[in-house]
Amino acid sequence: MPNKTWTAEEILCEEHFKKRTARDDAGRYIVRLPRRKSQGRLGESYEQEKRRFRQLKRRFQKHTDLHQEYSEFTQDFEELGHMNQINKDASTARYYLPHHAVCKSSSSSARTRVIFDGSYRSSNGLSLNDTLLVGPTMQQDLYSIVLRFRTL
């Protein structure tokens, strides 16, 4: 976007992606999340996530098809390398990202989606989203796009 001046945080985020984006053997892009240096560490989230997961399990008891589709999703996610099992006793600090399943019976392709909640606050009041840099908006605003479409 030629006429937009970027904030210091947007510049940092853009530099992060330029320096740290790589491709693996399968051709997929790999990049670490762009974290703010000024933010503190995320707090405890295990107990909160465990409570949310119990609610999800209660939903599974009522809707067995949801449980099946959710299990397939998590298995696919693990096979793709997007998640793995961890040793809970490890001394490394961990943040558990809360999630829930959303069903859309009218969808023909994916009836169940899993939504990850990066805005969920940990024990110290910080969420994952709070600790991440926000990059620049790369696309034009909707008004400009619609206006350009109408002039063609």
N, C-alpha and C. Protein backbone atom coordinates (compact mmCIF):
# COMPACT_ATOMS: atom_id res chain seq x y z
N MET A 1 0.86 -1.18 0.00
CA MET A 1 0.00 0.00 0.00
C MET A 1 0.90 1.24 0.00
N PRO A 2 0.94 1.96 -1.08
CA PRO A 2 1.92 3.03 -1.25
C PRO A 2 1.75 4.23 -0.34
N ASN A 3 0.54 4.65 0.04
CA ASN A 3 0.34 5.88 0.79
C ASN A 3 0.21 5.67 2.29
N LYS A 4 0.40 4.48 2.79
CA LYS A 4 0.22 4.20 4.21
C LYS A 4 1.56 4.20 4.92
N THR A 5 1.65 4.92 6.02
CA THR A 5 2.86 4.87 6.83
C THR A 5 2.62 3.85 7.94
N TRP A 6 3.58 3.00 8.15
CA TRP A 6 3.46 1.93 9.13
C TRP A 6 3.95 2.39 10.49
N THR A 7 3.34 1.84 11.53
CA THR A 7 3.78 2.11 12.90
C THR A 7 5.05 1.31 13.16
N ALA A 8 5.72 1.62 14.27
CA ALA A 8 6.95 0.90 14.63
C ALA A 8 6.65 -0.59 14.82
N GLU A 9 5.51 -0.91 15.43
CA GLU A 9 5.15 -2.31 15.65
C GLU A 9 4.89 -3.04 14.32
N GLU A 10 4.24 -2.37 13.38
CA GLU A 10 3.99 -2.98 12.07
C GLU A 10 5.31 -3.25 11.33
N ILE A 11 6.25 -2.34 11.44
CA ILE A 11 7.56 -2.52 10.81
C ILE A 11 8.29 -3.70 11.43
N LEU A 12 8.27 -3.79 12.78
CA LEU A 12 8.90 -4.92 13.46
C LEU A 12 8.29 -6.25 13.02
N CYS A 13 6.99 -6.29 12.92
CA CYS A 13 6.30 -7.51 12.51
C CYS A 13 6.68 -7.89 11.09
N GLU A 14 6.71 -6.94 10.19
CA GLU A 14 7.08 -7.20 8.80
C GLU A 14 8.52 -7.72 8.72
N GLU A 15 9.42 -7.12 9.49
CA GLU A 15 10.82 -7.58 9.52
C GLU A 15 10.92 -9.00 10.06
N HIS A 16 10.12 -9.29 11.09
CA HIS A 16 10.10 -10.64 11.66
C HIS A 16 9.76 -11.66 10.59
N PHE A 17 8.72 -11.41 9.80
CA PHE A 17 8.31 -12.35 8.77
C PHE A 17 9.34 -12.45 7.65
N LYS A 18 9.94 -11.34 7.27
CA LYS A 18 10.95 -11.39 6.22
C LYS A 18 12.17 -12.21 6.63
N LYS A 19 12.60 -12.07 7.89
CA LYS A 19 13.81 -12.74 8.37
C LYS A 19 13.56 -14.20 8.75
N ARG A 20 12.39 -14.52 9.24
CA ARG A 20 12.19 -15.83 9.86
C ARG A 20 11.26 -16.78 9.11
N THR A 21 10.82 -16.42 7.93
CA THR A 21 9.96 -17.31 7.16
C THR A 21 10.84 -18.27 6.36
N ALA A 22 10.52 -19.56 6.48
CA ALA A 22 11.27 -20.59 5.75
C ALA A 22 10.28 -21.59 5.18
N ARG A 23 10.79 -22.50 4.36
CA ARG A 23 9.95 -23.57 3.80
C ARG A 23 10.53 -24.91 4.22
N ASP A 24 9.65 -25.85 4.52
CA ASP A 24 10.12 -27.19 4.86
C ASP A 24 10.22 -28.04 3.60
N ASP A 25 10.57 -29.31 3.78
CA ASP A 25 10.77 -30.21 2.64
C ASP A 25 9.50 -30.41 1.82
N ALA A 26 8.34 -30.29 2.47
CA ALA A 26 7.06 -30.46 1.77
C ALA A 26 6.60 -29.18 1.08
N GLY A 27 7.35 -28.09 1.22
CA GLY A 27 6.99 -26.83 0.58
C GLY A 27 6.12 -25.92 1.42
N ARG A 28 5.82 -26.34 2.66
CA ARG A 28 5.01 -25.50 3.54
C ARG A 28 5.85 -24.39 4.15
N TYR A 29 5.22 -23.25 4.37
CA TYR A 29 5.90 -22.14 5.02
C TYR A 29 5.91 -22.35 6.52
N ILE A 30 7.02 -22.01 7.15
CA ILE A 30 7.17 -22.12 8.59
C ILE A 30 7.65 -20.78 9.12
N VAL A 31 6.97 -20.30 10.15
CA VAL A 31 7.40 -19.06 10.80
C VAL A 31 6.90 -19.07 12.24
N ARG A 32 7.71 -18.59 13.15
CA ARG A 32 7.29 -18.49 14.55
C ARG A 32 6.38 -17.28 14.71
N LEU A 33 5.53 -17.35 15.72
CA LEU A 33 4.63 -16.22 15.99
C LEU A 33 5.47 -14.99 16.36
N PRO A 34 5.11 -13.82 15.84
CA PRO A 34 5.86 -12.59 16.15
C PRO A 34 5.47 -12.05 17.53
N ARG A 35 6.31 -12.27 18.51
CA ARG A 35 6.00 -11.89 19.89
C ARG A 35 6.54 -10.51 20.22
N ARG A 36 5.79 -9.78 21.05
CA ARG A 36 6.25 -8.49 21.56
C ARG A 36 7.30 -8.74 22.65
N LYS A 37 8.39 -8.01 22.59
CA LYS A 37 9.42 -8.15 23.62
C LYS A 37 9.00 -7.51 24.94
N SER A 38 8.17 -6.47 24.85
CA SER A 38 7.79 -5.71 26.05
C SER A 38 6.76 -6.43 26.91
N GLN A 39 6.04 -7.38 26.33
CA GLN A 39 5.00 -8.08 27.09
C GLN A 39 5.64 -9.11 28.01
N GLY A 40 5.01 -9.33 29.14
CA GLY A 40 5.47 -10.37 30.05
C GLY A 40 5.10 -11.74 29.54
N ARG A 41 5.43 -12.74 30.33
CA ARG A 41 5.09 -14.12 29.98
C ARG A 41 3.62 -14.38 30.25
N LEU A 42 3.07 -15.30 29.49
CA LEU A 42 1.69 -15.72 29.71
C LEU A 42 1.59 -16.43 31.06
N GLY A 43 0.45 -16.26 31.71
CA GLY A 43 0.23 -16.90 33.00
C GLY A 43 -0.23 -18.34 32.85
N GLU A 44 -0.69 -18.91 33.93
CA GLU A 44 -1.18 -20.29 33.99
C GLU A 44 -2.49 -20.40 33.22
N SER A 45 -2.61 -21.42 32.40
CA SER A 45 -3.84 -21.59 31.63
C SER A 45 -4.37 -23.03 31.69
N TYR A 46 -3.64 -23.93 32.32
CA TYR A 46 -4.02 -25.33 32.31
C TYR A 46 -5.38 -25.57 32.96
N GLU A 47 -5.60 -25.03 34.14
CA GLU A 47 -6.86 -25.26 34.85
C GLU A 47 -8.04 -24.67 34.09
N GLN A 48 -7.85 -23.49 33.51
CA GLN A 48 -8.92 -22.86 32.74
C GLN A 48 -9.26 -23.69 31.51
N GLU A 49 -8.23 -24.18 30.83
CA GLU A 49 -8.47 -24.99 29.63
C GLU A 49 -9.10 -26.33 30.01
N LYS A 50 -8.68 -26.89 31.13
CA LYS A 50 -9.27 -28.15 31.59
C LYS A 50 -10.76 -27.99 31.85
N ARG A 51 -11.17 -26.86 32.43
CA ARG A 51 -12.58 -26.57 32.69
C ARG A 51 -13.35 -26.46 31.36
N ARG A 52 -12.77 -25.76 30.40
CA ARG A 52 -13.41 -25.63 29.09
C ARG A 52 -13.54 -26.98 28.39
N PHE A 53 -12.50 -27.81 28.53
CA PHE A 53 -12.52 -29.10 27.87
C PHE A 53 -13.59 -30.01 28.49
N ARG A 54 -13.80 -29.89 29.80
CA ARG A 54 -14.88 -30.67 30.45
C ARG A 54 -16.23 -30.28 29.87
N GLN A 55 -16.43 -28.98 29.61
CA GLN A 55 -17.69 -28.54 28.98
C GLN A 55 -17.84 -29.16 27.59
N LEU A 56 -16.74 -29.20 26.85
CA LEU A 56 -16.76 -29.79 25.52
C LEU A 56 -17.10 -31.28 25.60
N LYS A 57 -16.55 -31.96 26.60
CA LYS A 57 -16.83 -33.40 26.76
C LYS A 57 -18.31 -33.63 27.09
N ARG A 58 -18.92 -32.73 27.86
CA ARG A 58 -20.36 -32.85 28.13
C ARG A 58 -21.17 -32.70 26.84
N ARG A 59 -20.73 -31.81 25.98
CA ARG A 59 -21.39 -31.68 24.67
C ARG A 59 -21.25 -32.95 23.85
N PHE A 60 -20.08 -33.59 23.95
CA PHE A 60 -19.84 -34.84 23.22
C PHE A 60 -20.81 -35.93 23.67
N GLN A 61 -21.15 -35.95 24.95
CA GLN A 61 -22.08 -36.96 25.46
C GLN A 61 -23.46 -36.80 24.84
N LYS A 62 -23.85 -35.58 24.59
CA LYS A 62 -25.16 -35.31 23.98
C LYS A 62 -25.13 -35.51 22.47
N HIS A 63 -23.99 -35.22 21.85
CA HIS A 63 -23.87 -35.25 20.39
C HIS A 63 -22.69 -36.15 20.00
N THR A 64 -22.94 -37.42 19.83
CA THR A 64 -21.85 -38.36 19.52
C THR A 64 -21.23 -38.10 18.15
N ASP A 65 -22.02 -37.58 17.21
CA ASP A 65 -21.46 -37.26 15.89
C ASP A 65 -20.44 -36.12 16.00
N LEU A 66 -20.68 -35.17 16.89
CA LEU A 66 -19.74 -34.09 17.13
C LEU A 66 -18.43 -34.65 17.67
N HIS A 67 -18.53 -35.60 18.59
CA HIS A 67 -17.34 -36.21 19.17
C HIS A 67 -16.52 -36.91 18.09
N GLN A 68 -17.17 -37.61 17.19
CA GLN A 68 -16.49 -38.31 16.10
C GLN A 68 -15.77 -37.32 15.18
N GLU A 69 -16.45 -36.27 14.79
CA GLU A 69 -15.86 -35.28 13.89
C GLU A 69 -14.72 -34.52 14.56
N TYR A 70 -14.89 -34.23 15.84
CA TYR A 70 -13.84 -33.55 16.60
C TYR A 70 -12.60 -34.45 16.69
N SER A 71 -12.81 -35.73 16.95
CA SER A 71 -11.69 -36.68 17.04
C SER A 71 -10.95 -36.77 15.71
N GLU A 72 -11.69 -36.77 14.61
CA GLU A 72 -11.06 -36.80 13.29
C GLU A 72 -10.23 -35.54 13.06
N PHE A 73 -10.78 -34.40 13.47
CA PHE A 73 -10.04 -33.14 13.32
C PHE A 73 -8.72 -33.19 14.09
N THR A 74 -8.78 -33.58 15.36
CA THR A 74 -7.55 -33.59 16.17
C THR A 74 -6.54 -34.59 15.63
N GLN A 75 -7.01 -35.72 15.12
CA GLN A 75 -6.10 -36.70 14.53
C GLN A 75 -5.42 -36.12 13.29
N ASP A 76 -6.20 -35.46 12.43
CA ASP A 76 -5.62 -34.81 11.24
C ASP A 76 -4.62 -33.73 11.64
N PHE A 77 -4.96 -32.96 12.64
CA PHE A 77 -4.09 -31.88 13.11
C PHE A 77 -2.76 -32.44 13.60
N GLU A 78 -2.83 -33.56 14.31
CA GLU A 78 -1.62 -34.19 14.82
C GLU A 78 -0.79 -34.77 13.67
N GLU A 79 -1.44 -35.41 12.71
CA GLU A 79 -0.74 -35.99 11.56
C GLU A 79 -0.05 -34.92 10.73
N LEU A 80 -0.65 -33.73 10.64
CA LEU A 80 -0.05 -32.63 9.90
C LEU A 80 1.12 -31.98 10.66
N GLY A 81 1.29 -32.35 11.93
CA GLY A 81 2.37 -31.79 12.73
C GLY A 81 2.04 -30.46 13.37
N HIS A 82 0.75 -30.08 13.39
CA HIS A 82 0.35 -28.81 13.98
C HIS A 82 0.20 -28.90 15.50
N MET A 83 0.13 -30.13 16.03
CA MET A 83 0.08 -30.30 17.47
C MET A 83 0.70 -31.65 17.81
N ASN A 84 1.12 -31.78 19.05
CA ASN A 84 1.64 -33.06 19.52
C ASN A 84 1.39 -33.19 21.02
N GLN A 85 1.47 -34.41 21.50
CA GLN A 85 1.27 -34.64 22.92
C GLN A 85 2.51 -34.19 23.67
N ILE A 86 2.29 -33.69 24.87
CA ILE A 86 3.41 -33.20 25.66
C ILE A 86 3.48 -33.97 26.98
N ASN A 87 4.64 -33.90 27.59
CA ASN A 87 4.83 -34.47 28.91
C ASN A 87 4.41 -33.41 29.92
N LYS A 88 3.30 -33.63 30.59
CA LYS A 88 2.75 -32.62 31.52
C LYS A 88 3.71 -32.32 32.66
N ASP A 89 4.56 -33.29 33.00
CA ASP A 89 5.48 -33.10 34.13
C ASP A 89 6.72 -32.31 33.76
N ALA A 90 6.88 -31.95 32.50
CA ALA A 90 8.06 -31.21 32.06
C ALA A 90 8.13 -29.86 32.76
N SER A 91 9.34 -29.39 33.00
CA SER A 91 9.51 -28.14 33.74
C SER A 91 9.31 -26.90 32.86
N THR A 92 9.24 -27.07 31.57
CA THR A 92 9.05 -25.95 30.66
C THR A 92 7.66 -25.35 30.84
N ALA A 93 7.61 -24.02 30.91
CA ALA A 93 6.31 -23.34 31.03
C ALA A 93 5.53 -23.54 29.74
N ARG A 94 4.24 -23.81 29.86
CA ARG A 94 3.40 -24.04 28.71
C ARG A 94 2.14 -23.19 28.80
N TYR A 95 1.62 -22.83 27.65
CA TYR A 95 0.34 -22.14 27.57
C TYR A 95 -0.61 -23.04 26.81
N TYR A 96 -1.74 -23.34 27.39
CA TYR A 96 -2.74 -24.19 26.76
C TYR A 96 -3.77 -23.29 26.09
N LEU A 97 -3.91 -23.43 24.79
CA LEU A 97 -4.79 -22.57 24.02
C LEU A 97 -6.21 -23.14 24.03
N PRO A 98 -7.15 -22.45 24.67
CA PRO A 98 -8.53 -22.94 24.71
C PRO A 98 -9.14 -23.03 23.32
N HIS A 99 -10.03 -23.98 23.15
CA HIS A 99 -10.70 -24.17 21.87
C HIS A 99 -12.07 -24.79 22.09
N HIS A 100 -12.88 -24.72 21.07
CA HIS A 100 -14.19 -25.35 21.12
C HIS A 100 -14.62 -25.70 19.69
N ALA A 101 -15.60 -26.59 19.60
CA ALA A 101 -16.08 -27.03 18.30
C ALA A 101 -17.34 -26.25 17.93
N VAL A 102 -17.47 -25.94 16.65
CA VAL A 102 -18.65 -25.25 16.13
C VAL A 102 -19.20 -26.11 15.00
N CYS A 103 -20.49 -26.39 15.08
CA CYS A 103 -21.16 -27.21 14.05
C CYS A 103 -22.01 -26.31 13.16
N LYS A 104 -21.97 -26.64 11.89
CA LYS A 104 -22.82 -25.95 10.92
C LYS A 104 -23.43 -27.02 10.03
N SER A 105 -24.65 -27.41 10.36
CA SER A 105 -25.28 -28.53 9.66
C SER A 105 -25.55 -28.23 8.19
N SER A 106 -25.62 -26.96 7.81
CA SER A 106 -25.90 -26.62 6.41
C SER A 106 -24.65 -26.68 5.53
N SER A 107 -23.47 -26.80 6.14
CA SER A 107 -22.23 -26.83 5.36
C SER A 107 -22.06 -28.18 4.68
N SER A 108 -21.66 -28.15 3.42
CA SER A 108 -21.46 -29.40 2.68
C SER A 108 -20.04 -29.92 2.82
N SER A 109 -19.07 -29.03 3.04
CA SER A 109 -17.68 -29.47 3.09
C SER A 109 -17.25 -29.85 4.51
N ALA A 110 -17.25 -28.90 5.42
CA ALA A 110 -16.79 -29.17 6.79
C ALA A 110 -17.91 -28.81 7.76
N ARG A 111 -18.57 -29.83 8.27
CA ARG A 111 -19.68 -29.58 9.18
C ARG A 111 -19.20 -29.08 10.54
N THR A 112 -18.04 -29.55 10.99
CA THR A 112 -17.51 -29.18 12.29
C THR A 112 -16.19 -28.45 12.12
N ARG A 113 -16.07 -27.33 12.78
CA ARG A 113 -14.81 -26.57 12.81
C ARG A 113 -14.38 -26.44 14.25
N VAL A 114 -13.07 -26.41 14.47
CA VAL A 114 -12.55 -26.18 15.81
C VAL A 114 -12.01 -24.75 15.84
N ILE A 115 -12.48 -23.99 16.80
CA ILE A 115 -12.10 -22.58 16.94
C ILE A 115 -11.14 -22.43 18.11
N PHE A 116 -9.96 -21.86 17.85
CA PHE A 116 -8.97 -21.61 18.90
C PHE A 116 -9.14 -20.19 19.39
N ASP A 117 -9.13 -20.02 20.71
CA ASP A 117 -9.45 -18.74 21.34
C ASP A 117 -8.18 -18.06 21.86
N GLY A 118 -7.51 -17.31 20.98
CA GLY A 118 -6.29 -16.60 21.36
C GLY A 118 -6.54 -15.39 22.25
N SER A 119 -7.79 -14.99 22.43
CA SER A 119 -8.07 -13.83 23.28
C SER A 119 -8.43 -14.25 24.71
N TYR A 120 -8.42 -15.55 24.99
CA TYR A 120 -8.74 -16.06 26.33
C TYR A 120 -7.61 -15.70 27.28
N ARG A 121 -7.93 -15.04 28.39
CA ARG A 121 -6.92 -14.52 29.31
C ARG A 121 -6.40 -15.60 30.26
N SER A 122 -5.07 -15.63 30.44
CA SER A 122 -4.45 -16.56 31.38
C SER A 122 -4.56 -16.00 32.79
N SER A 123 -3.96 -16.67 33.76
CA SER A 123 -4.11 -16.29 35.17
C SER A 123 -3.59 -14.89 35.48
N ASN A 124 -2.63 -14.38 34.71
CA ASN A 124 -2.11 -13.04 34.97
C ASN A 124 -2.79 -11.95 34.13
N GLY A 125 -3.87 -12.33 33.44
CA GLY A 125 -4.64 -11.35 32.67
C GLY A 125 -4.18 -11.18 31.24
N LEU A 126 -3.09 -11.84 30.84
CA LEU A 126 -2.61 -11.73 29.46
C LEU A 126 -3.19 -12.85 28.61
N SER A 127 -3.51 -12.54 27.37
CA SER A 127 -3.93 -13.56 26.41
C SER A 127 -2.80 -13.74 25.39
N LEU A 128 -2.87 -14.80 24.61
CA LEU A 128 -1.88 -15.01 23.56
C LEU A 128 -1.89 -13.83 22.59
N ASN A 129 -3.07 -13.34 22.24
CA ASN A 129 -3.17 -12.20 21.32
C ASN A 129 -2.49 -10.96 21.87
N ASP A 130 -2.53 -10.76 23.21
CA ASP A 130 -1.89 -9.60 23.83
C ASP A 130 -0.38 -9.61 23.62
N THR A 131 0.21 -10.79 23.50
CA THR A 131 1.67 -10.90 23.43
C THR A 131 2.21 -10.88 22.00
N LEU A 132 1.32 -10.86 21.01
CA LEU A 132 1.76 -10.93 19.62
C LEU A 132 1.80 -9.55 18.96
N LEU A 133 2.77 -9.38 18.08
CA LEU A 133 2.84 -8.16 17.27
C LEU A 133 1.70 -8.17 16.26
N VAL A 134 1.20 -7.00 15.94
CA VAL A 134 0.17 -6.88 14.91
C VAL A 134 0.83 -6.25 13.69
N GLY A 135 0.76 -6.96 12.59
CA GLY A 135 1.38 -6.47 11.37
C GLY A 135 0.50 -5.48 10.63
N PRO A 136 1.02 -4.92 9.55
CA PRO A 136 0.26 -3.95 8.78
C PRO A 136 -0.87 -4.62 8.00
N THR A 137 -1.89 -3.85 7.71
CA THR A 137 -2.98 -4.33 6.85
C THR A 137 -2.47 -4.29 5.42
N MET A 138 -2.49 -5.44 4.77
CA MET A 138 -1.92 -5.53 3.44
C MET A 138 -2.95 -5.30 2.33
N GLN A 139 -4.20 -5.57 2.62
CA GLN A 139 -5.23 -5.40 1.59
C GLN A 139 -5.87 -4.02 1.73
N GLN A 140 -6.50 -3.59 0.66
CA GLN A 140 -7.21 -2.31 0.68
C GLN A 140 -8.46 -2.43 1.54
N ASP A 141 -8.95 -1.29 1.99
CA ASP A 141 -10.20 -1.32 2.76
C ASP A 141 -11.36 -1.66 1.81
N LEU A 142 -12.42 -2.20 2.39
CA LEU A 142 -13.55 -2.70 1.60
C LEU A 142 -14.17 -1.59 0.74
N TYR A 143 -14.26 -0.38 1.26
CA TYR A 143 -14.84 0.73 0.51
C TYR A 143 -14.08 0.95 -0.81
N SER A 144 -12.76 0.94 -0.76
CA SER A 144 -11.95 1.14 -1.98
C SER A 144 -12.15 0.02 -2.98
N ILE A 145 -12.25 -1.20 -2.48
CA ILE A 145 -12.44 -2.35 -3.36
C ILE A 145 -13.79 -2.26 -4.08
N VAL A 146 -14.85 -1.95 -3.32
CA VAL A 146 -16.19 -1.84 -3.90
C VAL A 146 -16.24 -0.68 -4.89
N LEU A 147 -15.65 0.44 -4.54
CA LEU A 147 -15.63 1.59 -5.42
C LEU A 147 -14.91 1.27 -6.73
N ARG A 148 -13.77 0.57 -6.65
CA ARG A 148 -13.02 0.20 -7.85
C ARG A 148 -13.85 -0.77 -8.70
N PHE A 149 -14.55 -1.70 -8.07
CA PHE A 149 -15.39 -2.65 -8.78
C PHE A 149 -16.49 -1.92 -9.54
N ARG A 150 -17.08 -0.91 -8.91
CA ARG A 150 -18.19 -0.18 -9.54
C ARG A 150 -17.72 0.66 -10.73
N THR A 151 -16.44 1.02 -10.79
CA THR A 151 -15.96 1.86 -11.88
C THR A 151 -15.49 1.04 -13.09
N LEU A 152 -15.41 -0.27 -12.95
CA LEU A 152 -14.95 -1.10 -14.09
C LEU A 152 -16.03 -1.31 -15.10
